[in-house]
Amino acid sequence: MNIPNILTLARIAFIPLLVVLFYLPFSWSMPIAAGMFALASVTDWLDGYLARRWNQSTPFGAFLDPVADKLMVAVALALLIERFDTALLTLPALVIIGREIVISALREWMAEMGKRGMVAVSWVGKLKTTLQMVAILALLAFPPVHPLAQVGVLILYAAAMLTLWSMIQYLKSAWPHLSRSM
């Protein structure tokens, strides 16, 4: 067990705390939940940076890091779908969650074929992740009627568009291998 893996595990441990904070009936609970999400987002960057810098990449970390990211984002988006209770937020949130499921399955399948590198994370994926994190942070921190929450919804749409674009790129890259299997 090393520090990058501990940070990844901490991100997973934050998930139930995020849920509890989300449902607490106090005025301070949502800003604290947003702060916890921000801290988890920072650990997402930090664990990868430290693993590379200290040469502490492990198979366990390579497996768990994307799982932790997807769990945190999916849970936060599910909570926000309930909080906003509108198709305006539900649509991009479900696009993002659906894409993560598709790409996870695609990466697993490509890995079985020895072609995992064909669906490696790209700069578009990194930008998408950054926009998702910023949007979720704004949506957690501010009530749905607040102007910054509305900005968060717009950023979430931008993230959803990048999500679709990156999914199409990954599928195009994998298509020659997928079509042979039909």
Protein backbone atom coordinates (compact mmCIF):
# COMPACT_ATOMS: atom_id res chain seq x y z
CA MET A 1 0.00 0.00 0.00
CA ASN A 2 1.41 3.38 -0.99
CA ILE A 3 0.26 7.01 -0.69
CA PRO A 4 -1.29 7.21 -4.18
CA ASN A 5 -3.37 4.09 -3.47
CA ILE A 6 -4.37 5.45 -0.06
CA LEU A 7 -5.57 8.66 -1.75
CA THR A 8 -7.62 6.60 -4.20
CA LEU A 9 -9.17 4.60 -1.35
CA ALA A 10 -9.90 7.86 0.49
CA ARG A 11 -11.81 9.07 -2.57
CA ILE A 12 -14.01 5.99 -2.37
CA ALA A 13 -14.48 6.51 1.39
CA PHE A 14 -15.66 10.07 0.65
CA ILE A 15 -18.66 8.74 -1.29
CA PRO A 16 -20.85 7.72 1.67
CA LEU A 17 -19.83 10.91 3.47
CA LEU A 18 -20.90 12.93 0.43
CA VAL A 19 -24.28 11.18 0.46
CA VAL A 20 -24.79 11.78 4.19
CA LEU A 21 -23.84 15.45 3.88
CA PHE A 22 -26.15 15.83 0.88
CA TYR A 23 -29.15 14.71 2.92
CA LEU A 24 -28.40 16.51 6.17
CA PRO A 25 -31.04 19.19 6.82
CA PHE A 26 -28.57 21.97 7.66
CA SER A 27 -27.70 25.09 5.68
CA TRP A 28 -24.00 24.25 5.86
CA SER A 29 -24.30 20.67 4.59
CA MET A 30 -24.28 21.40 0.85
CA PRO A 31 -21.24 23.72 0.91
CA ILE A 32 -19.40 21.10 2.98
CA ALA A 33 -20.49 18.39 0.51
CA ALA A 34 -19.15 20.58 -2.31
CA GLY A 35 -15.88 21.00 -0.40
CA MET A 36 -15.63 17.25 0.06
CA PHE A 37 -16.21 16.75 -3.65
CA ALA A 38 -13.52 19.36 -4.39
CA LEU A 39 -11.10 17.55 -2.09
CA ALA A 40 -11.89 14.25 -3.80
CA SER A 41 -11.29 15.89 -7.18
CA VAL A 42 -7.89 17.12 -6.02
CA THR A 43 -6.97 13.63 -4.79
CA ASP A 44 -7.87 12.33 -8.26
CA TRP A 45 -5.15 14.50 -9.76
CA LEU A 46 -2.74 14.09 -6.84
CA ASP A 47 -2.75 10.28 -6.69
CA GLY A 48 -1.84 10.02 -10.37
CA TYR A 49 0.80 12.71 -10.09
CA LEU A 50 2.43 11.08 -7.05
CA ALA A 51 2.27 7.59 -8.54
CA ARG A 52 4.14 8.81 -11.62
CA ARG A 53 6.54 11.12 -9.77
CA TRP A 54 7.49 8.56 -7.12
CA ASN A 55 7.33 5.62 -9.54
CA GLN A 56 4.64 4.00 -7.38
CA SER A 57 2.19 2.93 -10.06
CA THR A 58 0.64 -0.42 -9.19
CA PRO A 59 -1.85 -2.73 -10.92
CA PHE A 60 -4.17 -2.17 -7.93
CA GLY A 61 -3.97 1.62 -8.39
CA ALA A 62 -4.40 1.36 -12.17
CA PHE A 63 -7.58 -0.64 -11.57
CA LEU A 64 -8.98 1.32 -8.64
CA ASP A 65 -8.31 4.92 -9.74
CA PRO A 66 -10.79 4.98 -12.65
CA VAL A 67 -13.31 3.03 -10.57
CA ALA A 68 -13.08 5.63 -7.78
CA ASP A 69 -13.48 8.46 -10.29
CA LYS A 70 -16.51 6.95 -11.95
CA LEU A 71 -18.17 6.07 -8.64
CA MET A 72 -17.69 9.58 -7.25
CA VAL A 73 -19.01 11.26 -10.40
CA ALA A 74 -21.95 8.86 -10.84
CA VAL A 75 -23.06 9.18 -7.21
CA ALA A 76 -22.74 12.98 -7.27
CA LEU A 77 -24.70 13.21 -10.54
CA ALA A 78 -27.41 10.89 -9.19
CA LEU A 79 -27.76 13.10 -6.11
CA LEU A 80 -27.92 16.21 -8.29
CA ILE A 81 -30.60 14.66 -10.52
CA GLU A 82 -32.74 14.35 -7.41
CA ARG A 83 -31.88 17.81 -6.12
CA PHE A 84 -32.61 19.65 -9.37
CA ASP A 85 -35.53 17.40 -10.37
CA THR A 86 -35.54 18.62 -13.95
CA ALA A 87 -34.86 17.14 -17.37
CA LEU A 88 -32.50 20.07 -17.96
CA LEU A 89 -29.97 18.53 -15.56
CA THR A 90 -31.02 14.88 -15.89
CA LEU A 91 -30.20 14.67 -19.61
CA PRO A 92 -26.50 15.63 -19.46
CA ALA A 93 -26.04 13.68 -16.22
CA LEU A 94 -27.39 10.49 -17.79
CA VAL A 95 -25.31 11.04 -20.93
CA ILE A 96 -22.19 11.25 -18.76
CA ILE A 97 -23.08 8.20 -16.65
CA GLY A 98 -24.05 6.18 -19.74
CA ARG A 99 -20.83 7.06 -21.54
CA GLU A 100 -18.77 5.95 -18.55
CA ILE A 101 -20.46 2.56 -18.60
CA VAL A 102 -19.94 2.16 -22.36
CA ILE A 103 -16.29 3.20 -22.28
CA SER A 104 -15.53 1.04 -19.24
CA ALA A 105 -16.97 -1.98 -21.05
CA LEU A 106 -15.10 -1.03 -24.24
CA ARG A 107 -11.79 -0.71 -22.37
CA GLU A 108 -12.30 -4.07 -20.70
CA TRP A 109 -13.13 -5.74 -24.00
CA MET A 110 -10.18 -4.09 -25.79
CA ALA A 111 -7.86 -5.15 -22.98
CA GLU A 112 -8.97 -8.75 -23.47
CA MET A 113 -8.00 -8.36 -27.12
CA GLY A 114 -4.61 -6.90 -26.16
CA LYS A 115 -5.57 -3.50 -27.60
CA ARG A 116 -6.14 -1.48 -24.40
CA GLY A 117 -3.89 1.34 -25.67
CA MET A 118 -6.37 2.06 -28.46
CA VAL A 119 -8.82 3.41 -25.88
CA ALA A 120 -6.36 5.16 -23.58
CA VAL A 121 -7.36 8.45 -21.95
CA SER A 122 -6.94 11.40 -24.32
CA TRP A 123 -6.70 15.14 -23.74
CA VAL A 124 -10.43 15.37 -24.56
CA GLY A 125 -11.14 12.94 -21.74
CA LYS A 126 -9.04 15.02 -19.35
CA LEU A 127 -10.85 18.22 -20.37
CA LYS A 128 -14.21 16.45 -20.02
CA THR A 129 -13.27 15.30 -16.54
CA THR A 130 -12.19 18.81 -15.53
CA LEU A 131 -15.46 20.31 -16.78
CA GLN A 132 -17.46 17.59 -15.00
CA MET A 133 -15.71 18.28 -11.72
CA VAL A 134 -16.19 22.06 -11.99
CA ALA A 135 -19.86 21.63 -12.93
CA ILE A 136 -20.58 19.16 -10.12
CA LEU A 137 -18.81 21.41 -7.64
CA ALA A 138 -20.95 24.41 -8.66
CA LEU A 139 -24.13 22.32 -8.63
CA LEU A 140 -23.41 20.98 -5.16
CA ALA A 141 -22.31 24.32 -3.72
CA PHE A 142 -25.25 26.45 -4.85
CA PRO A 143 -29.03 26.01 -4.75
CA PRO A 144 -30.68 25.26 -8.12
CA VAL A 145 -31.97 28.84 -8.52
CA HIS A 146 -28.57 30.46 -7.91
CA PRO A 147 -26.92 31.94 -11.03
CA LEU A 148 -23.71 29.97 -10.37
CA ALA A 149 -25.74 26.75 -10.29
CA GLN A 150 -27.12 27.70 -13.70
CA VAL A 151 -23.54 28.22 -14.90
CA GLY A 152 -22.83 24.76 -13.49
CA VAL A 153 -25.62 23.33 -15.65
CA LEU A 154 -24.11 24.98 -18.74
CA ILE A 155 -20.69 23.58 -17.89
CA LEU A 156 -22.29 20.16 -17.39
CA TYR A 157 -23.72 20.41 -20.92
CA ALA A 158 -20.25 21.24 -22.25
CA ALA A 159 -18.89 18.21 -20.38
CA ALA A 160 -21.70 16.04 -21.82
CA MET A 161 -20.87 17.20 -25.36
CA LEU A 162 -17.19 16.36 -24.81
CA THR A 163 -18.34 13.07 -23.31
CA LEU A 164 -20.19 12.17 -26.50
CA TRP A 165 -17.33 13.38 -28.69
CA SER A 166 -14.74 11.34 -26.80
CA MET A 167 -17.02 8.28 -26.80
CA ILE A 168 -17.38 8.54 -30.58
CA GLN A 169 -13.60 8.86 -30.93
CA TYR A 170 -13.02 5.79 -28.76
CA LEU A 171 -15.65 3.78 -30.64
CA LYS A 172 -14.20 4.83 -34.02
CA SER A 173 -10.77 3.74 -32.85
CA ALA A 174 -12.09 0.38 -31.67
CA TRP A 175 -14.53 -0.14 -34.56
CA PRO A 176 -12.24 -2.27 -36.74
CA HIS A 177 -11.92 -4.74 -33.85
CA LEU A 178 -15.57 -4.52 -32.87
CA SER A 179 -16.86 -5.01 -36.42
CA ARG A 180 -14.74 -8.18 -36.86
CA SER A 181 -16.67 -9.68 -33.96
CA MET A 182 -20.08 -9.25 -35.56
